[in-house]
């Protein structure tokens, strides 16, 4: 599991009050009791299969540990991301063509053929995504 150092936490009455990603100034350390070093512990993730979720802070060890959890990424979540990318790509083409109608160059015109070609690519991509039912099928896209 990868770890990151350089974190500082402030604990008061057994509760974490502050988490910083750098060391507080000497003045702050002197003025506020409870500051101490912490280490962030990240889980090993299987790419495109798992994501980090919530964390807990173990204040009973030195340095304190910021421990992240993970969970499996669902196929539908991955499909949703791919659908959003496809929609954004299509919208970019449409917006660029529409912008031609109001730009400073009278000779530029909206080109319906460009939008139609982008629509065909978009619809084919959405069909591919819809047909994918496993992580392996999504990887193949």
Protein backbone atom coordinates (compact mmCIF):
# COMPACT_ATOMS: atom_id res chain seq x y z
CA UNK A 1 0.00 0.00 0.00
CA UNK A 2 1.45 3.37 -0.96
CA UNK A 3 1.97 5.90 1.80
CA UNK A 4 2.36 9.66 1.76
CA UNK A 5 4.13 11.56 4.49
CA UNK A 6 4.01 15.24 5.36
CA UNK A 7 0.55 15.34 6.92
CA UNK A 8 -0.18 16.88 10.29
CA UNK A 9 -3.26 16.48 12.45
CA UNK A 10 -4.46 18.24 15.57
CA UNK A 11 -6.27 16.09 18.12
CA UNK A 12 -8.29 17.61 20.94
CA UNK A 13 -10.25 15.54 23.48
CA UNK A 14 -9.67 12.40 21.41
CA UNK A 15 -11.12 13.93 18.22
CA UNK A 16 -9.36 15.09 15.09
CA UNK A 17 -9.92 18.84 14.72
CA UNK A 18 -7.53 19.66 11.85
CA UNK A 19 -5.80 17.79 9.03
CA UNK A 20 -3.12 19.64 7.07
CA UNK A 21 -0.94 18.52 4.21
CA UNK A 22 2.01 20.54 5.50
CA UNK A 23 3.68 21.20 8.83
CA UNK A 24 2.12 24.06 10.80
CA UNK A 25 4.38 26.96 11.73
CA UNK A 26 6.34 26.74 14.96
CA UNK A 27 4.10 29.50 16.36
CA UNK A 28 0.97 27.48 15.58
CA UNK A 29 2.50 24.33 17.07
CA UNK A 30 3.31 26.24 20.25
CA UNK A 31 -0.07 27.99 20.45
CA UNK A 32 -2.29 24.96 19.84
CA UNK A 33 -1.73 21.70 21.66
CA UNK A 34 -2.36 18.37 20.00
CA UNK A 35 -0.49 18.74 16.69
CA UNK A 36 1.34 15.64 15.46
CA UNK A 37 2.56 14.01 12.31
CA UNK A 38 0.35 11.72 10.24
CA UNK A 39 0.86 9.41 7.30
CA UNK A 40 -1.71 8.80 4.58
CA UNK A 41 -2.10 5.13 3.63
CA UNK A 42 -3.67 4.53 0.24
CA UNK A 43 -5.08 1.15 -0.76
CA UNK A 44 -3.71 -0.75 -3.71
CA UNK A 45 -6.30 -0.29 -6.46
CA UNK A 46 -7.01 -2.46 -9.45
CA UNK A 47 -7.19 0.06 -12.30
CA UNK A 48 -10.70 0.54 -13.69
CA UNK A 49 -12.05 -1.96 -11.17
CA UNK A 50 -11.75 -0.26 -7.77
CA UNK A 51 -11.94 3.28 -6.38
CA UNK A 52 -11.05 4.90 -3.07
CA UNK A 53 -13.92 5.80 -0.81
CA UNK A 54 -13.89 7.04 2.76
CA UNK A 55 -11.11 7.28 5.29
CA UNK A 56 -10.57 6.91 8.99
CA UNK A 57 -7.81 8.37 11.12
CA UNK A 58 -6.11 6.10 13.63
CA UNK A 59 -4.84 8.41 16.38
CA UNK A 60 -3.69 5.52 18.58
CA UNK A 61 -0.39 5.08 16.70
CA UNK A 62 2.60 7.31 16.05
CA UNK A 63 2.57 8.75 13.49
CA UNK A 64 -1.21 8.86 13.15
CA UNK A 65 -2.56 6.96 10.14
CA UNK A 66 -5.02 8.34 7.60
CA UNK A 67 -6.38 5.05 6.23
CA UNK A 68 -8.39 5.06 3.01
CA UNK A 69 -10.92 2.39 2.09
CA UNK A 70 -11.80 1.15 -1.37
CA UNK A 71 -14.70 -0.47 -3.14
CA UNK A 72 -15.35 -2.25 -6.40
CA UNK A 73 -16.33 -0.08 -9.33
CA UNK A 74 -19.58 -1.28 -10.88
CA UNK A 75 -19.84 -1.93 -14.62
CA UNK A 76 -22.70 0.58 -14.88
CA UNK A 77 -20.54 3.27 -13.27
CA UNK A 78 -17.86 2.75 -15.89
CA UNK A 79 -20.48 2.77 -18.63
CA UNK A 80 -21.89 6.03 -17.30
CA UNK A 81 -18.45 7.63 -17.51
CA UNK A 82 -17.98 6.49 -21.09
CA UNK A 83 -21.45 7.75 -22.01
CA UNK A 84 -20.63 11.16 -20.53
CA UNK A 85 -17.42 11.30 -22.57
CA UNK A 86 -19.28 10.43 -25.76
CA UNK A 87 -21.97 13.05 -25.07
CA UNK A 88 -19.33 15.70 -24.37
CA UNK A 89 -17.50 14.93 -27.63
CA UNK A 90 -20.73 15.19 -29.63
CA UNK A 91 -21.75 18.40 -27.86
CA UNK A 92 -18.35 19.93 -28.65
CA UNK A 93 -18.94 19.37 -32.38
CA UNK A 94 -22.49 20.73 -32.22
CA UNK A 95 -21.44 23.79 -30.21
CA UNK A 96 -18.60 24.54 -32.64
CA UNK A 97 -20.99 24.43 -35.58
CA UNK A 98 -23.63 26.56 -33.85
CA UNK A 99 -20.98 29.11 -32.89
CA UNK A 100 -20.24 29.65 -36.57
CA UNK A 101 -23.61 31.33 -36.92
CA UNK A 102 -22.72 34.07 -34.47
CA UNK A 103 -18.98 34.48 -34.93
CA UNK A 104 -17.29 37.51 -36.49
CA UNK A 105 -16.86 35.81 -39.86
CA UNK A 106 -19.96 36.00 -42.10
CA UNK A 107 -18.52 33.37 -44.45
CA UNK A 108 -18.61 30.65 -41.79
CA UNK A 109 -21.85 28.73 -41.68
CA UNK A 110 -23.33 25.92 -39.65
CA UNK A 111 -22.55 22.64 -41.43
CA UNK A 112 -25.28 20.09 -40.86
CA UNK A 113 -23.18 17.37 -42.52
CA UNK A 114 -20.49 17.77 -39.84
CA UNK A 115 -23.09 17.48 -37.08
CA UNK A 116 -24.70 14.48 -38.78
CA UNK A 117 -21.34 12.71 -39.08
CA UNK A 118 -20.67 13.38 -35.39
CA UNK A 119 -24.16 12.12 -34.53
CA UNK A 120 -23.50 8.84 -36.37
CA UNK A 121 -20.23 8.37 -34.46
CA UNK A 122 -21.98 9.29 -31.19
CA UNK A 123 -24.85 6.86 -31.70
CA UNK A 124 -22.48 4.04 -32.65
CA UNK A 125 -20.41 4.70 -29.53
CA UNK A 126 -23.51 4.73 -27.32
CA UNK A 127 -24.59 1.39 -28.84
CA UNK A 128 -21.13 -0.11 -28.13
CA UNK A 129 -21.30 1.10 -24.54
CA UNK A 130 -24.83 -0.23 -24.06
CA UNK A 131 -23.78 -3.65 -25.34
CA UNK A 132 -20.89 -3.94 -22.87
CA UNK A 133 -21.96 -5.94 -19.83
CA UNK A 134 -18.64 -6.85 -18.20
CA UNK A 135 -15.46 -5.07 -17.19
CA UNK A 136 -13.62 -6.98 -19.90
CA UNK A 137 -16.08 -5.77 -22.56
CA UNK A 138 -15.66 -2.20 -21.36
CA UNK A 139 -11.87 -2.58 -21.43
CA UNK A 140 -12.15 -3.64 -25.07
CA UNK A 141 -13.88 -0.39 -25.95
